[in-house]
Amino acid sequence: MDFVDFGNIAAFIPFGILIPWLYRITFIRFLTLFFLSILACETIQALTLLGSFDVNDAIQNLLGASVGFGAYKLGIRTKNVLTRITLTGISCIVLFMGVWGLCGIADQAFTKEEGPFAALNELQDSTGNTSRGTKIYSFNMSGQKVEPRYNLFSVEGKKSETYTYKSKQQLVFSLYYGIPDQTGDGSISVLVDGREVLSSSGIDQRSYPELFPQMFEIPIEPASGITITIRGNEKIWDVGYRKMIHFWD
């Protein structure tokens, strides 16, 4: 819930007050007709390319109108005009805060967030064999000392090495990469389901040394495969992921 959602709800409160004031209508009929009207407006907006169809907007608009309707029904109970206006205004505020709070709770409950970092200490190479990586040690890169915390993968006695990983659920995959000082050239490429999402070489590092060591992070959908190919003296370390979880997980 943010400022836009606040406006989508608050802006439609007057409709919930004015419509039952002008026309005698039940709450269920009001909700049905108002929601259909909002859907029609959203459809026209999408067809005329003046905006997009967003059912969330329609629901928030309906909530705003419902707050206004409830406030009107509470305020109309008194015959004094000034008291009626005051009671309606107070009811609007109280009902709005209640709806806003419930929407915030629902938003939090159904929105996934990044969980704690988990190191991926096993990767499969191109032959399907599991590799635990290289023994962890520190090295210098771009004039600063790098100390991997969880794991370290590099080419050991080969020209290149390919690691693959298949995610079983939605997560955020991350790693650090770079070429240690005074160790020659190298490169890295990362593909997700065959689509290249990262390509870097020693030329990039020599051109922009202040950017290295660099972190790479990408969201991965369930059943997606990620392929990491490193060549030469390129190193990757602290390879891991964060699962996308609900707050109760």
Protein backbone atom coordinates (compact mmCIF):
# COMPACT_ATOMS: atom_id res chain seq x y z
CA MET A 1 0.00 0.00 0.00
CA ASP A 2 1.46 3.36 -1.05
CA PHE A 3 0.38 6.90 -1.89
CA VAL A 4 -1.21 5.83 -5.20
CA ASP A 5 -3.33 3.22 -3.42
CA PHE A 6 -4.27 5.86 -0.84
CA GLY A 7 -5.55 8.10 -3.64
CA ASN A 8 -7.41 5.29 -5.40
CA ILE A 9 -9.42 4.63 -2.24
CA ALA A 10 -9.85 8.17 -0.87
CA ALA A 11 -10.86 9.74 -4.20
CA PHE A 12 -13.96 7.53 -4.50
CA ILE A 13 -15.33 8.06 -1.00
CA PRO A 14 -17.55 10.99 -2.21
CA PHE A 15 -19.29 8.67 -4.69
CA GLY A 16 -20.37 6.46 -1.83
CA ILE A 17 -21.91 9.48 -0.11
CA LEU A 18 -23.52 11.26 -3.07
CA ILE A 19 -25.09 8.30 -4.88
CA PRO A 20 -27.18 6.98 -1.94
CA TRP A 21 -28.02 10.59 -1.03
CA LEU A 22 -29.45 11.21 -4.53
CA TYR A 23 -30.93 7.75 -5.13
CA ARG A 24 -32.48 5.23 -2.75
CA ILE A 25 -30.37 2.12 -3.24
CA THR A 26 -29.33 -0.92 -1.23
CA PHE A 27 -25.71 -1.60 -0.38
CA ILE A 28 -25.46 -4.80 -2.48
CA ARG A 29 -27.03 -3.17 -5.51
CA PHE A 30 -24.79 -0.14 -5.07
CA LEU A 31 -21.66 -2.31 -4.93
CA THR A 32 -22.69 -4.33 -8.00
CA LEU A 33 -23.56 -1.36 -10.21
CA PHE A 34 -20.58 0.69 -9.08
CA PHE A 35 -18.10 -2.16 -9.66
CA LEU A 36 -19.53 -2.82 -13.14
CA SER A 37 -19.22 0.90 -13.93
CA ILE A 38 -15.60 0.94 -12.80
CA LEU A 39 -14.83 -2.14 -14.91
CA ALA A 40 -16.42 -0.44 -17.92
CA CYS A 41 -14.27 2.66 -17.35
CA GLU A 42 -11.13 0.52 -17.02
CA THR A 43 -12.01 -1.30 -20.26
CA ILE A 44 -12.58 1.95 -22.16
CA GLN A 45 -9.33 3.28 -20.76
CA ALA A 46 -7.46 0.24 -22.08
CA LEU A 47 -9.17 0.23 -25.50
CA THR A 48 -8.49 3.93 -26.10
CA LEU A 49 -4.84 3.51 -24.99
CA LEU A 50 -5.33 6.21 -22.36
CA GLY A 51 -4.21 3.79 -19.68
CA SER A 52 -4.24 0.11 -18.79
CA PHE A 53 -6.84 -2.24 -17.37
CA ASP A 54 -6.03 -2.78 -13.71
CA VAL A 55 -8.44 -4.81 -11.60
CA ASN A 56 -6.57 -3.71 -8.45
CA ASP A 57 -7.57 -0.11 -9.19
CA ALA A 58 -11.19 -1.21 -9.61
CA ILE A 59 -11.16 -3.01 -6.25
CA GLN A 60 -9.56 -0.02 -4.49
CA ASN A 61 -12.11 2.35 -6.06
CA LEU A 62 -14.91 0.07 -4.86
CA LEU A 63 -13.45 0.06 -1.33
CA GLY A 64 -13.42 3.86 -1.33
CA ALA A 65 -17.03 4.03 -2.46
CA SER A 66 -17.98 1.46 0.19
CA VAL A 67 -16.38 3.61 2.89
CA GLY A 68 -18.43 6.58 1.71
CA PHE A 69 -21.63 4.53 1.65
CA GLY A 70 -21.05 3.28 5.19
CA ALA A 71 -20.24 6.77 6.45
CA TYR A 72 -23.41 8.15 4.83
CA LYS A 73 -25.58 5.45 6.44
CA LEU A 74 -24.05 6.20 9.86
CA GLY A 75 -24.43 9.96 9.47
CA ILE A 76 -28.03 9.89 8.23
CA ARG A 77 -29.23 8.44 11.51
CA THR A 78 -29.37 11.89 13.07
CA LYS A 79 -31.79 14.62 11.94
CA ASN A 80 -29.56 17.61 12.79
CA VAL A 81 -27.81 18.70 9.59
CA LEU A 82 -24.60 19.89 11.28
CA THR A 83 -24.39 16.75 13.40
CA ARG A 84 -25.09 14.62 10.33
CA ILE A 85 -22.21 16.24 8.39
CA THR A 86 -19.86 15.91 11.36
CA LEU A 87 -20.78 12.28 12.01
CA THR A 88 -20.41 11.44 8.32
CA GLY A 89 -16.96 13.05 8.21
CA ILE A 90 -15.78 11.25 11.34
CA SER A 91 -17.19 7.96 10.06
CA CYS A 92 -15.32 8.45 6.78
CA ILE A 93 -12.03 8.83 8.62
CA VAL A 94 -12.61 5.87 10.96
CA LEU A 95 -13.85 3.53 8.22
CA PHE A 96 -11.08 4.61 5.86
CA MET A 97 -8.38 3.91 8.45
CA GLY A 98 -9.95 0.50 9.12
CA VAL A 99 -10.04 -0.39 5.40
CA TRP A 100 -6.53 0.97 4.91
CA GLY A 101 -5.24 -1.16 7.78
CA LEU A 102 -6.93 -4.32 6.49
CA CYS A 103 -5.60 -3.68 2.98
CA GLY A 104 -2.11 -3.23 4.42
CA ILE A 105 -2.37 -6.54 6.28
CA ALA A 106 -3.66 -8.34 3.17
CA ASP A 107 -0.94 -6.76 1.04
CA GLN A 108 1.72 -7.92 3.48
CA ALA A 109 0.22 -11.39 3.74
CA PHE A 110 0.11 -12.06 -0.02
CA THR A 111 3.33 -10.30 -1.05
CA LYS A 112 6.49 -12.38 -1.20
CA GLU A 113 9.76 -10.87 -0.02
CA GLU A 114 13.36 -11.98 -0.15
CA GLY A 115 14.28 -14.43 2.58
CA PRO A 116 17.71 -14.91 4.20
CA PHE A 117 20.75 -15.62 2.05
CA ALA A 118 21.64 -19.28 1.53
CA ALA A 119 25.02 -20.23 0.08
CA LEU A 120 24.99 -22.61 -2.87
CA ASN A 121 28.02 -24.73 -2.11
CA GLU A 122 27.32 -27.29 -4.81
CA LEU A 123 27.08 -26.57 -8.52
CA GLN A 124 26.86 -29.03 -11.39
CA ASP A 125 29.45 -28.71 -14.12
CA SER A 126 28.87 -29.33 -17.81
CA THR A 127 29.25 -33.11 -17.36
CA GLY A 128 26.68 -33.25 -14.57
CA ASN A 129 29.25 -33.81 -11.83
CA THR A 130 28.75 -31.91 -8.62
CA SER A 131 31.47 -29.41 -7.72
CA ARG A 132 31.94 -27.88 -4.30
CA GLY A 133 34.23 -25.28 -5.77
CA THR A 134 37.74 -24.24 -4.86
CA LYS A 135 39.14 -24.06 -1.36
CA ILE A 136 38.32 -20.57 -0.05
CA TYR A 137 41.20 -18.12 0.10
CA SER A 138 41.57 -14.33 -0.07
CA PHE A 139 43.00 -12.36 -3.01
CA ASN A 140 43.41 -8.79 -4.23
CA MET A 141 41.22 -7.20 -6.87
CA SER A 142 41.38 -3.61 -8.09
CA GLY A 143 43.66 -2.77 -5.19
CA GLN A 144 41.39 -4.13 -2.47
CA LYS A 145 41.42 -7.37 -0.52
CA VAL A 146 38.60 -9.79 -1.26
CA GLU A 147 37.68 -12.43 1.30
CA PRO A 148 34.98 -14.86 0.11
CA ARG A 149 32.73 -15.97 2.97
CA TYR A 150 30.82 -18.99 1.68
CA ASN A 151 32.33 -20.48 -1.47
CA LEU A 152 34.71 -19.90 -4.37
CA PHE A 153 34.55 -21.30 -7.91
CA SER A 154 37.23 -20.97 -10.59
CA VAL A 155 38.85 -22.81 -13.48
CA GLU A 156 41.28 -25.33 -12.10
CA GLY A 157 43.73 -26.58 -14.75
CA LYS A 158 41.20 -26.00 -17.56
CA LYS A 159 40.51 -23.29 -20.11
CA SER A 160 36.89 -22.97 -19.04
CA GLU A 161 34.31 -24.42 -16.70
CA THR A 162 30.52 -24.45 -16.99
CA TYR A 163 28.25 -24.74 -13.98
CA THR A 164 24.50 -25.28 -14.17
CA TYR A 165 21.76 -24.94 -11.62
CA LYS A 166 18.01 -25.48 -11.91
CA SER A 167 15.76 -23.65 -9.49
CA LYS A 168 12.81 -25.51 -8.01
CA GLN A 169 11.04 -22.38 -6.80
CA GLN A 170 11.05 -18.62 -7.18
CA LEU A 171 14.23 -17.09 -5.84
CA VAL A 172 16.85 -14.36 -6.28
CA PHE A 173 20.17 -15.77 -7.47
CA SER A 174 23.38 -13.84 -6.76
CA LEU A 175 27.15 -14.08 -7.00
CA TYR A 176 30.28 -11.94 -6.99
CA TYR A 177 32.75 -12.07 -9.86
CA GLY A 178 36.02 -10.62 -11.08
CA ILE A 179 39.65 -11.33 -11.98
CA PRO A 180 42.29 -11.08 -9.24
CA ASP A 181 45.11 -8.59 -9.78
CA GLN A 182 48.11 -9.72 -11.81
CA THR A 183 46.64 -13.10 -12.80
CA GLY A 184 45.97 -12.61 -16.50
CA ASP A 185 42.74 -12.52 -18.45
CA GLY A 186 39.36 -14.21 -18.17
CA SER A 187 35.63 -13.84 -18.72
CA ILE A 188 32.23 -14.85 -17.40
CA SER A 189 28.84 -15.38 -19.00
CA VAL A 190 25.53 -16.18 -17.32
CA LEU A 191 22.49 -17.55 -19.14
CA VAL A 192 18.98 -18.10 -17.82
CA ASP A 193 17.02 -20.61 -19.90
CA GLY A 194 19.44 -19.99 -22.77
CA ARG A 195 19.14 -16.19 -22.63
CA GLU A 196 22.34 -14.33 -21.81
CA VAL A 197 21.89 -12.01 -18.84
CA LEU A 198 25.54 -11.28 -18.02
CA SER A 199 28.71 -11.07 -20.09
CA SER A 200 31.95 -9.62 -18.76
CA SER A 201 35.63 -9.98 -19.58
CA GLY A 202 39.04 -8.77 -18.51
CA ILE A 203 38.70 -5.91 -20.98
CA ASP A 204 35.68 -4.60 -19.07
CA GLN A 205 37.54 -4.89 -15.78
CA ARG A 206 40.61 -3.07 -17.09
CA SER A 207 38.40 -0.32 -18.55
CA TYR A 208 36.37 0.17 -15.36
CA PRO A 209 38.46 -1.20 -12.47
CA GLU A 210 36.49 0.82 -9.94
CA LEU A 211 33.43 -1.37 -10.62
CA PHE A 212 35.15 -4.59 -9.54
CA PRO A 213 34.66 -6.82 -7.68
CA GLN A 214 31.09 -6.74 -8.91
CA MET A 215 27.91 -8.35 -7.66
CA PHE A 216 25.42 -9.96 -10.03
CA GLU A 217 21.85 -10.60 -8.94
CA ILE A 218 18.81 -11.80 -10.86
CA PRO A 219 15.31 -13.12 -10.00
CA ILE A 220 14.76 -16.71 -11.13
CA GLU A 221 11.36 -18.24 -11.79
CA PRO A 222 10.53 -21.84 -10.76
CA ALA A 223 11.96 -24.55 -13.05
CA SER A 224 14.35 -22.07 -14.70
CA GLY A 225 17.89 -23.16 -15.47
CA ILE A 226 20.89 -20.92 -14.91
CA THR A 227 24.21 -21.59 -16.65
CA ILE A 228 27.47 -19.97 -15.56
CA THR A 229 30.57 -20.23 -17.74
CA ILE A 230 33.91 -18.92 -16.49
CA ARG A 231 37.13 -18.82 -18.48
CA GLY A 232 40.76 -18.12 -17.70
CA ASN A 233 41.41 -16.47 -14.37
CA GLU A 234 37.84 -15.37 -13.72
CA LYS A 235 36.52 -16.22 -10.27
CA ILE A 236 33.04 -16.31 -8.78
CA TRP A 237 32.35 -16.48 -5.09
CA ASP A 238 29.63 -16.28 -2.47
CA VAL A 239 27.27 -17.89 -4.95
CA GLY A 240 23.84 -18.29 -3.40
CA TYR A 241 20.19 -17.40 -3.41
CA ARG A 242 17.35 -15.88 -1.44
CA LYS A 243 13.97 -17.59 -1.63
CA MET A 244 10.90 -15.46 -2.23
CA ILE A 245 8.73 -16.22 0.77
CA HIS A 246 5.69 -14.89 2.64
CA PHE A 247 6.30 -13.34 6.04
CA TRP A 248 4.84 -16.36 7.82
CA ASP A 249 7.26 -18.83 6.15
